[in-house]
Structures are given as structure tokens and as C-alpha cells.
PDB file of N, CA and C in Angstrom:
ATOM      1  N   MET A   1     -58.995 117.813  16.884  1.00  0.00           N
ATOM      2  CA  MET A   1     -58.348 116.742  16.152  1.00  0.00           C
ATOM      3  C   MET A   1     -59.345 115.681  15.748  1.00  0.00           C
ATOM      4  N   SER A   2     -60.548 115.808  16.139  1.00  0.00           N
ATOM      5  CA  SER A   2     -61.533 114.776  15.840  1.00  0.00           C
ATOM      6  C   SER A   2     -62.021 114.839  14.404  1.00  0.00           C
ATOM      7  N   ASN A   3     -61.670 115.908  13.661  1.00  0.00           N
ATOM      8  CA  ASN A   3     -62.132 116.023  12.279  1.00  0.00           C
ATOM      9  C   ASN A   3     -61.166 115.373  11.276  1.00  0.00           C
ATOM     10  N   ILE A   4     -60.105 114.712  11.699  1.00  0.00           N
ATOM     11  CA  ILE A   4     -59.184 114.010  10.796  1.00  0.00           C
ATOM     12  C   ILE A   4     -59.791 112.656  10.458  1.00  0.00           C
ATOM     13  N   PRO A   5     -59.961 112.364   9.154  1.00  0.00           N
ATOM     14  CA  PRO A   5     -60.579 111.090   8.791  1.00  0.00           C
ATOM     15  C   PRO A   5     -59.699 109.899   9.180  1.00  0.00           C
ATOM     16  N   GLN A   6     -60.339 108.739   9.374  1.00  0.00           N
ATOM     17  CA  GLN A   6     -59.651 107.534   9.791  1.00  0.00           C
ATOM     18  C   GLN A   6     -58.722 106.990   8.705  1.00  0.00           C
ATOM     19  N   GLY A   7     -59.077 107.105   7.391  1.00  0.00           N
ATOM     20  CA  GLY A   7     -58.297 106.515   6.313  1.00  0.00           C
ATOM     21  C   GLY A   7     -57.123 107.360   5.860  1.00  0.00           C
ATOM     22  N   LEU A   8     -56.802 108.438   6.565  1.00  0.00           N
ATOM     23  CA  LEU A   8     -55.720 109.332   6.169  1.00  0.00           C
ATOM     24  C   LEU A   8     -54.379 108.609   6.266  1.00  0.00           C
ATOM     25  N   LYS A   9     -53.564 108.750   5.259  1.00  0.00           N
ATOM     26  CA  LYS A   9     -52.270 108.074   5.226  1.00  0.00           C
ATOM     27  C   LYS A   9     -51.260 108.871   6.040  1.00  0.00           C
ATOM     28  N   THR A  10     -50.395 108.184   6.691  1.00  0.00           N
ATOM     29  CA  THR A  10     -49.373 108.833   7.502  1.00  0.00           C
ATOM     30  C   THR A  10     -48.000 108.445   6.988  1.00  0.00           C
ATOM     31  N   PRO A  11     -46.978 109.254   7.205  1.00  0.00           N
ATOM     32  CA  PRO A  11     -45.635 108.915   6.748  1.00  0.00           C
ATOM     33  C   PRO A  11     -45.179 107.578   7.313  1.00  0.00           C
ATOM     34  N   GLY A  12     -44.494 106.800   6.431  1.00  0.00           N
ATOM     35  CA  GLY A  12     -43.999 105.501   6.850  1.00  0.00           C
ATOM     36  C   GLY A  12     -45.018 104.399   6.681  1.00  0.00           C
ATOM     37  N   SER A  13     -46.203 104.746   6.230  1.00  0.00           N
ATOM     38  CA  SER A  13     -47.251 103.743   6.025  1.00  0.00           C
ATOM     39  C   SER A  13     -47.320 103.360   4.556  1.00  0.00           C
ATOM     40  N   TYR A  14     -47.860 102.175   4.287  1.00  0.00           N
ATOM     41  CA  TYR A  14     -48.076 101.755   2.910  1.00  0.00           C
ATOM     42  C   TYR A  14     -49.215 102.555   2.308  1.00  0.00           C
ATOM     43  N   PHE A  15     -49.189 102.698   1.001  1.00  0.00           N
ATOM     44  CA  PHE A  15     -50.265 103.446   0.348  1.00  0.00           C
ATOM     45  C   PHE A  15     -50.831 102.619  -0.795  1.00  0.00           C
ATOM     46  N   ASP A  16     -52.019 102.995  -1.215  1.00  0.00           N
ATOM     47  CA  ASP A  16     -52.726 102.242  -2.253  1.00  0.00           C
ATOM     48  C   ASP A  16     -52.178 102.569  -3.631  1.00  0.00           C
ATOM     49  N   ILE A  17     -52.027 101.539  -4.468  1.00  0.00           N
ATOM     50  CA  ILE A  17     -51.639 101.699  -5.871  1.00  0.00           C
ATOM     51  C   ILE A  17     -52.645 100.930  -6.704  1.00  0.00           C
ATOM     52  N   ASN A  18     -53.178 101.599  -7.719  1.00  0.00           N
ATOM     53  CA  ASN A  18     -54.105 100.932  -8.623  1.00  0.00           C
ATOM     54  C   ASN A  18     -53.289 100.249  -9.714  1.00  0.00           C
ATOM     55  N   THR A  19     -53.119  98.934  -9.627  1.00  0.00           N
ATOM     56  CA  THR A  19     -52.323  98.184 -10.609  1.00  0.00           C
ATOM     57  C   THR A  19     -53.134  97.804 -11.841  1.00  0.00           C
ATOM     58  N   ASN A  20     -54.390  98.175 -11.877  1.00  0.00           N
ATOM     59  CA  ASN A  20     -55.225  97.852 -13.038  1.00  0.00           C
ATOM     60  C   ASN A  20     -55.013  98.822 -14.198  1.00  0.00           C
ATOM     61  N   THR A  21     -54.490 100.004 -13.906  1.00  0.00           N
ATOM     62  CA  THR A  21     -54.324 101.002 -14.966  1.00  0.00           C
ATOM     63  C   THR A  21     -52.923 101.603 -14.985  1.00  0.00           C
ATOM     64  N   PRO A  22     -51.879 100.774 -15.066  1.00  0.00           N
ATOM     65  CA  PRO A  22     -50.534 101.375 -15.107  1.00  0.00           C
ATOM     66  C   PRO A  22     -50.219 101.933 -16.491  1.00  0.00           C
ATOM     67  N   ARG A  23     -49.388 102.945 -16.533  1.00  0.00           N
ATOM     68  CA  ARG A  23     -48.899 103.495 -17.799  1.00  0.00           C
ATOM     69  C   ARG A  23     -47.425 103.165 -17.862  1.00  0.00           C
ATOM     70  N   MET A  24     -47.053 102.397 -18.850  1.00  0.00           N
ATOM     71  CA  MET A  24     -45.668 101.956 -18.962  1.00  0.00           C
ATOM     72  C   MET A  24     -44.991 102.657 -20.128  1.00  0.00           C
ATOM     73  N   GLY A  25     -44.022 103.492 -19.865  1.00  0.00           N
ATOM     74  CA  GLY A  25     -43.204 104.087 -20.902  1.00  0.00           C
ATOM     75  C   GLY A  25     -43.967 104.912 -21.908  1.00  0.00           C
ATOM     76  N   LEU A  26     -43.446 104.917 -23.131  1.00  0.00           N
ATOM     77  CA  LEU A  26     -44.023 105.711 -24.206  1.00  0.00           C
ATOM     78  C   LEU A  26     -45.112 104.947 -24.930  1.00  0.00           C
ATOM     79  N   PRO A  27     -46.035 105.652 -25.557  1.00  0.00           N
ATOM     80  CA  PRO A  27     -47.046 104.958 -26.359  1.00  0.00           C
ATOM     81  C   PRO A  27     -46.395 104.326 -27.582  1.00  0.00           C
ATOM     82  N   LEU A  28     -47.048 103.321 -28.127  1.00  0.00           N
ATOM     83  CA  LEU A  28     -46.513 102.641 -29.301  1.00  0.00           C
ATOM     84  C   LEU A  28     -46.432 103.582 -30.495  1.00  0.00           C
ATOM     85  N   ASN A  29     -45.419 103.381 -31.324  1.00  0.00           N
ATOM     86  CA  ASN A  29     -45.272 104.176 -32.538  1.00  0.00           C
ATOM     87  C   ASN A  29     -46.065 103.483 -33.645  1.00  0.00           C
ATOM     88  N   THR A  30     -47.240 104.007 -33.942  1.00  0.00           N
ATOM     89  CA  THR A  30     -48.097 103.371 -34.934  1.00  0.00           C
ATOM     90  C   THR A  30     -47.937 103.996 -36.309  1.00  0.00           C
ATOM     91  N   HIS A  31     -46.984 104.910 -36.453  1.00  0.00           N
ATOM     92  CA  HIS A  31     -46.787 105.589 -37.725  1.00  0.00           C
ATOM     93  C   HIS A  31     -45.740 104.867 -38.559  1.00  0.00           C
ATOM     94  N   LYS A  32     -45.963 104.813 -39.856  1.00  0.00           N
ATOM     95  CA  LYS A  32     -44.970 104.292 -40.789  1.00  0.00           C
ATOM     96  C   LYS A  32     -44.517 105.447 -41.669  1.00  0.00           C
ATOM     97  N   VAL A  33     -43.247 105.428 -42.032  1.00  0.00           N
ATOM     98  CA  VAL A  33     -42.689 106.456 -42.897  1.00  0.00           C
ATOM     99  C   VAL A  33     -42.214 105.776 -44.170  1.00  0.00           C
ATOM    100  N   LEU A  34     -42.540 106.363 -45.311  1.00  0.00           N
ATOM    101  CA  LEU A  34     -42.077 105.858 -46.598  1.00  0.00           C
ATOM    102  C   LEU A  34     -41.192 106.920 -47.227  1.00  0.00           C
ATOM    103  N   PHE A  35     -39.927 106.568 -47.448  1.00  0.00           N
ATOM    104  CA  PHE A  35     -38.994 107.469 -48.117  1.00  0.00           C
ATOM    105  C   PHE A  35     -39.019 107.155 -49.606  1.00  0.00           C
ATOM    106  N   ILE A  36     -39.312 108.157 -50.426  1.00  0.00           N
ATOM    107  CA  ILE A  36     -39.261 108.000 -51.878  1.00  0.00           C
ATOM    108  C   ILE A  36     -37.996 108.702 -52.337  1.00  0.00           C
ATOM    109  N   THR A  37     -37.048 107.926 -52.850  1.00  0.00           N
ATOM    110  CA  THR A  37     -35.732 108.464 -53.168  1.00  0.00           C
ATOM    111  C   THR A  37     -35.487 108.476 -54.672  1.00  0.00           C
ATOM    112  N   LEU A  38     -34.425 109.141 -55.049  1.00  0.00           N
ATOM    113  CA  LEU A  38     -33.991 109.171 -56.440  1.00  0.00           C
ATOM    114  C   LEU A  38     -32.852 108.185 -56.688  1.00  0.00           C
ATOM    115  N   ASP A  39     -32.737 107.164 -55.849  1.00  0.00           N
ATOM    116  CA  ASP A  39     -31.706 106.138 -56.010  1.00  0.00           C
ATOM    117  C   ASP A  39     -32.146 105.131 -57.080  1.00  0.00           C
ATOM    118  N   VAL A  40     -32.353 105.610 -58.300  1.00  0.00           N
ATOM    119  CA  VAL A  40     -32.902 104.765 -59.366  1.00  0.00           C
ATOM    120  C   VAL A  40     -31.933 103.683 -59.817  1.00  0.00           C
ATOM    121  N   LEU A  41     -30.652 103.882 -59.637  1.00  0.00           N
ATOM    122  CA  LEU A  41     -29.692 102.865 -60.066  1.00  0.00           C
ATOM    123  C   LEU A  41     -29.769 101.619 -59.207  1.00  0.00           C
ATOM    124  N   SER A  42     -30.393 101.702 -58.052  1.00  0.00           N
ATOM    125  CA  SER A  42     -30.550 100.527 -57.192  1.00  0.00           C
ATOM    126  C   SER A  42     -31.615  99.583 -57.728  1.00  0.00           C
ATOM    127  N   ALA A  43     -32.508 100.068 -58.570  1.00  0.00           N
ATOM    128  CA  ALA A  43     -33.631  99.304 -59.126  1.00  0.00           C
ATOM    129  C   ALA A  43     -34.504  98.723 -58.024  1.00  0.00           C
ATOM    130  N   GLN A  44     -34.595  99.403 -56.911  1.00  0.00           N
ATOM    131  CA  GLN A  44     -35.426  98.980 -55.783  1.00  0.00           C
ATOM    132  C   GLN A  44     -36.770  99.681 -55.904  1.00  0.00           C
ATOM    133  N   PHE A  45     -37.654  99.124 -56.738  1.00  0.00           N
ATOM    134  CA  PHE A  45     -38.918  99.785 -57.040  1.00  0.00           C
ATOM    135  C   PHE A  45     -40.084  99.230 -56.238  1.00  0.00           C
ATOM    136  N   LYS A  46     -39.799  98.480 -55.190  1.00  0.00           N
ATOM    137  CA  LYS A  46     -40.818  98.028 -54.244  1.00  0.00           C
ATOM    138  C   LYS A  46     -40.354  98.462 -52.859  1.00  0.00           C
ATOM    139  N   PRO A  47     -41.272  98.867 -51.975  1.00  0.00           N
ATOM    140  CA  PRO A  47     -40.863  99.314 -50.648  1.00  0.00           C
ATOM    141  C   PRO A  47     -40.114  98.224 -49.884  1.00  0.00           C
ATOM    142  N   VAL A  48     -39.048  98.628 -49.235  1.00  0.00           N
ATOM    143  CA  VAL A  48     -38.239  97.708 -48.436  1.00  0.00           C
ATOM    144  C   VAL A  48     -37.994  98.359 -47.075  1.00  0.00           C
ATOM    145  N   ASP A  49     -38.030  97.558 -46.009  1.00  0.00           N
ATOM    146  CA  ASP A  49     -37.770  98.082 -44.668  1.00  0.00           C
ATOM    147  C   ASP A  49     -36.323  98.529 -44.551  1.00  0.00           C
ATOM    148  N   VAL A  50     -36.114  99.695 -43.965  1.00  0.00           N
ATOM    149  CA  VAL A  50     -34.769 100.187 -43.687  1.00  0.00           C
ATOM    150  C   VAL A  50     -34.680 100.480 -42.191  1.00  0.00           C
ATOM    151  N   TYR A  51     -33.554 100.079 -41.594  1.00  0.00           N
ATOM    152  CA  TYR A  51     -33.403 100.194 -40.157  1.00  0.00           C
ATOM    153  C   TYR A  51     -32.333 101.203 -39.760  1.00  0.00           C
ATOM    154  N   ASP A  52     -31.308 101.332 -40.580  1.00  0.00           N
ATOM    155  CA  ASP A  52     -30.229 102.270 -40.300  1.00  0.00           C
ATOM    156  C   ASP A  52     -29.528 102.609 -41.614  1.00  0.00           C
ATOM    157  N   GLN A  53     -28.565 103.499 -41.542  1.00  0.00           N
ATOM    158  CA  GLN A  53     -27.885 103.961 -42.749  1.00  0.00           C
ATOM    159  C   GLN A  53     -27.112 102.835 -43.433  1.00  0.00           C
ATOM    160  N   ALA A  54     -26.495 101.973 -42.666  1.00  0.00           N
ATOM    161  CA  ALA A  54     -25.737 100.861 -43.261  1.00  0.00           C
ATOM    162  C   ALA A  54     -26.653  99.923 -44.032  1.00  0.00           C
ATOM    163  N   ASN A  55     -27.823  99.638 -43.473  1.00  0.00           N
ATOM    164  CA  ASN A  55     -28.791  98.772 -44.146  1.00  0.00           C
ATOM    165  C   ASN A  55     -29.298  99.421 -45.434  1.00  0.00           C
ATOM    166  N   ALA A  56     -29.604 100.704 -45.382  1.00  0.00           N
ATOM    167  CA  ALA A  56     -30.095 101.415 -46.566  1.00  0.00           C
ATOM    168  C   ALA A  56     -29.020 101.488 -47.650  1.00  0.00           C
ATOM    169  N   ASP A  57     -27.775 101.748 -47.243  1.00  0.00           N
ATOM    170  CA  ASP A  57     -26.691 101.813 -48.227  1.00  0.00           C
ATOM    171  C   ASP A  57     -26.421 100.450 -48.859  1.00  0.00           C
ATOM    172  N   LYS A  58     -26.673  99.388 -48.120  1.00  0.00           N
ATOM    173  CA  LYS A  58     -26.511  98.035 -48.679  1.00  0.00           C
ATOM    174  C   LYS A  58     -27.551  97.774 -49.772  1.00  0.00           C
ATOM    175  N   VAL A  59     -28.768  98.241 -49.543  1.00  0.00           N
ATOM    176  CA  VAL A  59     -29.860  98.010 -50.498  1.00  0.00           C
ATOM    177  C   VAL A  59     -29.820  99.005 -51.656  1.00  0.00           C
ATOM    178  N   PHE A  60     -29.560 100.276 -51.357  1.00  0.00           N
ATOM    179  CA  PHE A  60     -29.661 101.328 -52.362  1.00  0.00           C
ATOM    180  C   PHE A  60     -28.324 101.802 -52.918  1.00  0.00           C
ATOM    181  N   GLY A  61     -27.219 101.297 -52.390  1.00  0.00           N
ATOM    182  CA  GLY A  61     -25.904 101.699 -52.870  1.00  0.00           C
ATOM    183  C   GLY A  61     -25.223 102.639 -51.895  1.00  0.00           C
ATOM    184  N   ALA A  62     -23.899 102.675 -51.981  1.00  0.00           N
ATOM    185  CA  ALA A  62     -23.108 103.501 -51.066  1.00  0.00           C
ATOM    186  C   ALA A  62     -23.492 104.971 -51.177  1.00  0.00           C
ATOM    187  N   LYS A  63     -23.538 105.648 -50.043  1.00  0.00           N
ATOM    188  CA  LYS A  63     -23.879 107.070 -49.954  1.00  0.00           C
ATOM    189  C   LYS A  63     -25.238 107.371 -50.585  1.00  0.00           C
ATOM    190  N   SER A  64     -26.194 106.480 -50.361  1.00  0.00           N
ATOM    191  CA  SER A  64     -27.512 106.628 -50.971  1.00  0.00           C
ATOM    192  C   SER A  64     -28.331 107.715 -50.289  1.00  0.00           C
ATOM    193  N   GLU A  65     -29.288 108.203 -51.025  1.00  0.00           N
ATOM    194  CA  GLU A  65     -30.221 109.195 -50.485  1.00  0.00           C
ATOM    195  C   GLU A  65     -31.076 108.555 -49.394  1.00  0.00           C
ATOM    196  N   ALA A  66     -31.451 107.296 -49.582  1.00  0.00           N
ATOM    197  CA  ALA A  66     -32.233 106.578 -48.568  1.00  0.00           C
ATOM    198  C   ALA A  66     -31.441 106.454 -47.269  1.00  0.00           C
ATOM    199  N   GLY A  67     -30.139 106.240 -47.372  1.00  0.00           N
ATOM    200  CA  GLY A  67     -29.292 106.149 -46.187  1.00  0.00           C
ATOM    201  C   GLY A  67     -29.259 107.445 -45.409  1.00  0.00           C
ATOM    202  N   ARG A  68     -29.170 108.553 -46.125  1.00  0.00           N
ATOM    203  CA  ARG A  68     -29.172 109.857 -45.450  1.00  0.00           C
ATOM    204  C   ARG A  68     -30.534 110.141 -44.815  1.00  0.00           C
ATOM    205  N   MET A  69     -31.605 109.709 -45.466  1.00  0.00           N
ATOM    206  CA  MET A  69     -32.946 109.939 -44.924  1.00  0.00           C
ATOM    207  C   MET A  69     -33.172 109.145 -43.639  1.00  0.00           C
ATOM    208  N   ILE A  70     -32.778 107.874 -43.625  1.00  0.00           N
ATOM    209  CA  ILE A  70     -32.999 107.072 -42.425  1.00  0.00           C
ATOM    210  C   ILE A  70     -32.107 107.546 -41.285  1.00  0.00           C
ATOM    211  N   ALA A  71     -30.902 108.028 -41.600  1.00  0.00           N
ATOM    212  CA  ALA A  71     -30.020 108.556 -40.547  1.00  0.00           C
ATOM    213  C   ALA A  71     -30.668 109.765 -39.870  1.00  0.00           C
ATOM    214  N   ALA A  72     -31.269 110.646 -40.647  1.00  0.00           N
ATOM    215  CA  ALA A  72     -31.944 111.823 -40.089  1.00  0.00           C
ATOM    216  C   ALA A  72     -33.191 111.415 -39.301  1.00  0.00           C
ATOM    217  N   ALA A  73     -33.914 110.429 -39.798  1.00  0.00           N
ATOM    218  CA  ALA A  73     -35.129 109.984 -39.112  1.00  0.00           C
ATOM    219  C   ALA A  73     -34.801 109.337 -37.772  1.00  0.00           C
ATOM    220  N   VAL A  74     -33.738 108.546 -37.719  1.00  0.00           N
ATOM    221  CA  VAL A  74     -33.354 107.879 -36.476  1.00  0.00           C
ATOM    222  C   VAL A  74     -32.888 108.896 -35.435  1.00  0.00           C
ATOM    223  N   LYS A  75     -32.286 109.999 -35.886  1.00  0.00           N
ATOM    224  CA  LYS A  75     -31.878 111.049 -34.938  1.00  0.00           C
ATOM    225  C   LYS A  75     -33.087 111.659 -34.242  1.00  0.00           C
ATOM    226  N   SER A  76     -34.201 111.798 -34.963  1.00  0.00           N
ATOM    227  CA  SER A  76     -35.374 112.424 -34.365  1.00  0.00           C
ATOM    228  C   SER A  76     -36.257 111.423 -33.624  1.00  0.00           C
ATOM    229  N   ASN A  77     -36.262 110.162 -34.037  1.00  0.00           N
ATOM    230  CA  ASN A  77     -37.060 109.127 -33.370  1.00  0.00           C
ATOM    231  C   ASN A  77     -36.373 107.796 -33.602  1.00  0.00           C
ATOM    232  N   ARG A  78     -35.695 107.283 -32.586  1.00  0.00           N
ATOM    233  CA  ARG A  78     -34.897 106.074 -32.807  1.00  0.00           C
ATOM    234  C   ARG A  78     -35.739 104.830 -32.987  1.00  0.00           C
ATOM    235  N   PHE A  79     -37.047 104.910 -32.786  1.00  0.00           N
ATOM    236  CA  PHE A  79     -37.931 103.771 -32.989  1.00  0.00           C
ATOM    237  C   PHE A  79     -38.745 103.905 -34.279  1.00  0.00           C
ATOM    238  N   VAL A  80     -38.268 104.714 -35.219  1.00  0.00           N
ATOM    239  CA  VAL A  80     -39.013 104.972 -36.448  1.00  0.00           C
ATOM    240  C   VAL A  80     -39.201 103.671 -37.243  1.00  0.00           C
ATOM    241  N   ASP A  81     -40.382 103.509 -37.802  1.00  0.00           N
ATOM    242  CA  ASP A  81     -40.703 102.346 -38.628  1.00  0.00           C
ATOM    243  C   ASP A  81     -40.718 102.845 -40.072  1.00  0.00           C
ATOM    244  N   ALA A  82     -39.625 102.626 -40.782  1.00  0.00           N
ATOM    245  CA  ALA A  82     -39.469 103.247 -42.100  1.00  0.00           C
ATOM    246  C   ALA A  82     -39.273 102.219 -43.208  1.00  0.00           C
ATOM    247  N   GLN A  83     -39.736 102.609 -44.371  1.00  0.00           N
ATOM    248  CA  GLN A  83     -39.502 101.867 -45.600  1.00  0.00           C
ATOM    249  C   GLN A  83     -38.996 102.865 -46.636  1.00  0.00           C
ATOM    250  N   ALA A  84     -38.305 102.355 -47.637  1.00  0.00           N
ATOM    251  CA  ALA A  84     -37.807 103.226 -48.704  1.00  0.00           C
ATOM    252  C   ALA A  84     -38.073 102.565 -50.049  1.00  0.00           C
ATOM    253  N   ILE A  85     -38.189 103.409 -51.044  1.00  0.00           N
ATOM    254  CA  ILE A  85     -38.426 102.944 -52.413  1.00  0.00           C
ATOM    255  C   ILE A  85     -37.769 103.947 -53.359  1.00  0.00           C
ATOM    256  N   ALA A  86     -37.235 103.433 -54.447  1.00  0.00           N
ATOM    257  CA  ALA A  86     -36.664 104.323 -55.459  1.00  0.00           C
ATOM    258  C   ALA A  86     -37.785 104.773 -56.391  1.00  0.00           C
ATOM    259  N   LEU A  87     -37.731 106.003 -56.812  1.00  0.00           N
ATOM    260  CA  LEU A  87     -38.726 106.566 -57.716  1.00  0.00           C
ATOM    261  C   LEU A  87     -38.577 105.922 -59.080  1.00  0.00           C
ATOM    262  N   ASP A  88     -39.624 105.276 -59.544  1.00  0.00           N
ATOM    263  CA  ASP A  88     -39.601 104.586 -60.832  1.00  0.00           C
ATOM    264  C   ASP A  88     -40.261 105.480 -61.875  1.00  0.00           C
ATOM    265  N   VAL A  89     -39.429 106.179 -62.624  1.00  0.00           N
ATOM    266  CA  VAL A  89     -39.942 107.076 -63.658  1.00  0.00           C
ATOM    267  C   VAL A  89     -39.295 106.700 -64.988  1.00  0.00           C
ATOM    268  N   PRO A  90     -40.007 106.873 -66.095  1.00  0.00           N
ATOM    269  CA  PRO A  90     -39.423 106.539 -67.388  1.00  0.00           C
ATOM    270  C   PRO A  90     -38.189 107.392 -67.709  1.00  0.00           C
ATOM    271  N   ALA A  91     -38.257 108.670 -67.411  1.00  0.00           N
ATOM    272  CA  ALA A  91     -37.113 109.545 -67.672  1.00  0.00           C
ATOM    273  C   ALA A  91     -36.193 109.512 -66.468  1.00  0.00           C
ATOM    274  N   LYS A  92     -34.919 109.495 -66.698  1.00  0.00           N
ATOM    275  CA  LYS A  92     -33.966 109.486 -65.599  1.00  0.00           C
ATOM    276  C   LYS A  92     -34.022 110.836 -64.889  1.00  0.00           C
ATOM    277  N   THR A  93     -34.009 110.800 -63.582  1.00  0.00           N
ATOM    278  CA  THR A  93     -34.153 112.032 -62.813  1.00  0.00           C
ATOM    279  C   THR A  93     -32.856 112.478 -62.165  1.00  0.00           C
ATOM    280  N   MET A  94     -31.828 111.648 -62.239  1.00  0.00           N
ATOM    281  CA  MET A  94     -30.565 112.025 -61.617  1.00  0.00           C
ATOM    282  C   MET A  94     -29.656 112.684 -62.650  1.00  0.00           C
ATOM    283  N   LYS A  95     -28.628 113.318 -62.178  1.00  0.00           N
ATOM    284  CA  LYS A  95     -27.692 114.010 -63.042  1.00  0.00           C
ATOM    285  C   LYS A  95     -26.817 112.985 -63.784  1.00  0.00           C
ATOM    286  N   ALA A  96     -26.770 113.092 -65.103  1.00  0.00           N
ATOM    287  CA  ALA A  96     -25.992 112.151 -65.905  1.00  0.00           C
ATOM    288  C   ALA A  96     -24.509 112.482 -65.824  1.00  0.00           C
ATOM    289  N   LEU A  97     -23.698 111.439 -65.877  1.00  0.00           N
ATOM    290  CA  LEU A  97     -22.250 111.638 -65.965  1.00  0.00           C
ATOM    291  C   LEU A  97     -21.922 112.090 -67.382  1.00  0.00           C
ATOM    292  N   LEU A  98     -21.054 113.081 -67.500  1.00  0.00           N
ATOM    293  CA  LEU A  98     -20.753 113.644 -68.811  1.00  0.00           C
ATOM    294  C   LEU A  98     -19.318 113.309 -69.228  1.00  0.00           C
ATOM    295  N   THR A  99     -19.144 113.195 -70.528  1.00  0.00           N
ATOM    296  CA  THR A  99     -17.805 113.009 -71.076  1.00  0.00           C
ATOM    297  C   THR A  99     -17.147 114.370 -71.245  1.00  0.00           C
ATOM    298  N   GLU A 100     -15.926 114.386 -71.774  1.00  0.00           N
ATOM    299  CA  GLU A 100     -15.232 115.655 -71.993  1.00  0.00           C
ATOM    300  C   GLU A 100     -15.947 116.533 -73.015  1.00  0.00           C
ATOM    301  N   THR A 101     -16.700 115.929 -73.922  1.00  0.00           N
ATOM    302  CA  THR A 101     -17.440 116.690 -74.936  1.00  0.00           C
ATOM    303  C   THR A 101     -18.836 117.078 -74.460  1.00  0.00           C
ATOM    304  N   LYS A 102     -19.100 116.881 -73.169  1.00  0.00           N
ATOM    305  CA  LYS A 102     -20.378 117.242 -72.542  1.00  0.00           C
ATOM    306  C   LYS A 102     -21.557 116.402 -73.023  1.00  0.00           C
ATOM    307  N   SER A 103     -21.304 115.217 -73.545  1.00  0.00           N
ATOM    308  CA  SER A 103     -22.390 114.299 -73.892  1.00  0.00           C
ATOM    309  C   SER A 103     -22.537 113.284 -72.766  1.00  0.00           C
ATOM    310  N   ALA A 104     -23.716 112.700 -72.636  1.00  0.00           N
ATOM    311  CA  ALA A 104     -23.987 111.755 -71.561  1.00  0.00           C
ATOM    312  C   ALA A 104     -23.174 110.476 -71.756  1.00  0.00           C
ATOM    313  N   LEU A 105     -22.589 109.993 -70.667  1.00  0.00           N
ATOM    314  CA  LEU A 105     -21.818 108.756 -70.687  1.00  0.00           C
ATOM    315  C   LEU A 105     -22.794 107.587 -70.656  1.00  0.00           C
ATOM    316  N   LYS A 106     -22.626 106.628 -71.580  1.00  0.00           N
ATOM    317  CA  LYS A 106     -23.569 105.515 -71.696  1.00  0.00           C
ATOM    318  C   LYS A 106     -22.854 104.181 -71.529  1.00  0.00           C
ATOM    319  N   THR A 107     -23.637 103.183 -71.120  1.00  0.00           N
ATOM    320  CA  THR A 107     -23.117 101.826 -71.018  1.00  0.00           C
ATOM    321  C   THR A 107     -23.106 101.184 -72.398  1.00  0.00           C
ATOM    322  N   GLU A 108     -22.588  99.957 -72.491  1.00  0.00           N
ATOM    323  CA  GLU A 108     -22.592  99.263 -73.775  1.00  0.00           C
ATOM    324  C   GLU A 108     -23.986  99.025 -74.301  1.00  0.00           C
ATOM    325  N   SER A 109     -24.954  98.857 -73.407  1.00  0.00           N
ATOM    326  CA  SER A 109     -26.341  98.627 -73.844  1.00  0.00           C
ATOM    327  C   SER A 109     -27.074  99.928 -74.151  1.00  0.00           C
ATOM    328  N   GLY A 110     -26.421 101.087 -73.950  1.00  0.00           N
ATOM    329  CA  GLY A 110     -27.028 102.360 -74.308  1.00  0.00           C
ATOM    330  C   GLY A 110     -27.698 103.107 -73.177  1.00  0.00           C
ATOM    331  N   GLU A 111     -27.623 102.563 -71.950  1.00  0.00           N
ATOM    332  CA  GLU A 111     -28.233 103.265 -70.809  1.00  0.00           C
ATOM    333  C   GLU A 111     -27.321 104.384 -70.323  1.00  0.00           C
ATOM    334  N   VAL A 112     -27.938 105.493 -69.933  1.00  0.00           N
ATOM    335  CA  VAL A 112     -27.187 106.650 -69.447  1.00  0.00           C
ATOM    336  C   VAL A 112     -26.701 106.370 -68.030  1.00  0.00           C
ATOM    337  N   LEU A 113     -25.433 106.609 -67.763  1.00  0.00           N
ATOM    338  CA  LEU A 113     -24.873 106.465 -66.424  1.00  0.00           C
ATOM    339  C   LEU A 113     -25.147 107.728 -65.639  1.00  0.00           C
ATOM    340  N   GLU A 114     -25.583 107.538 -64.396  1.00  0.00           N
ATOM    341  CA  GLU A 114     -25.925 108.671 -63.538  1.00  0.00           C
ATOM    342  C   GLU A 114     -25.125 108.619 -62.259  1.00  0.00           C
ATOM    343  N   GLN A 115     -25.035 109.761 -61.615  1.00  0.00           N
ATOM    344  CA  GLN A 115     -24.357 109.796 -60.318  1.00  0.00           C
ATOM    345  C   GLN A 115     -25.331 110.052 -59.223  1.00  0.00           C
TER     346      GLN A 115
END
């Protein structure tokens, strides 16, 4: 029994903890996500922070593509740091609303209405 070292810990005794190098929880999320959507009717052509589907739908319109994107992102990482922007293109990229004669429905100013 003489080969047991003196500093050996025994049950019921206090033990050493190195408080200089603790690891607390998860590492910080340093990634940013930018959603580029086809919600062109929102005219949101500068990136805006989105936190949840309700916030995105408020900015981009009800049932927006940005809202669906942030809902999916929050399911996979609830601490996601996301921004969204509508695609600003000269040609309209969404499906136009059609009249009974299959022509595009337009506003009084001549802009095509899209869904």
C-alpha cells in the first residue's frame, strides 16, 4: 500500500476545479443569413433584420416568402441571425394576376399586379 500517492482523491473529498478555463454552453453564433426573396411588392430593397414569421410578414406582407424562410430557419437554429431583402429586378419575377381574357391585371398607373 505504500505505492499510493499522497495527493490521490478519495470519495467524499473535495476535488480541484480549474475555474480559469470554463466552457459555458454553446459557442456564439457568428454566422449571418441573408434571405433574398421574390416579395417585390413589399418594396423592401434594403436588408432588414427578421426575427420570426410574424415580423417578416409585417415587413414583407402577409404569407410572404421571407416569413416562410425565417420560420424554417428558426426550426433548425432558434438563435439564427437573419436578414431579408426583396429581389430588385427591372422585370417582374412573380406571377402576374390575369383577367378573364388572360391579359395582365394592371393598376391605374399601369403597373402589373402580381401575386
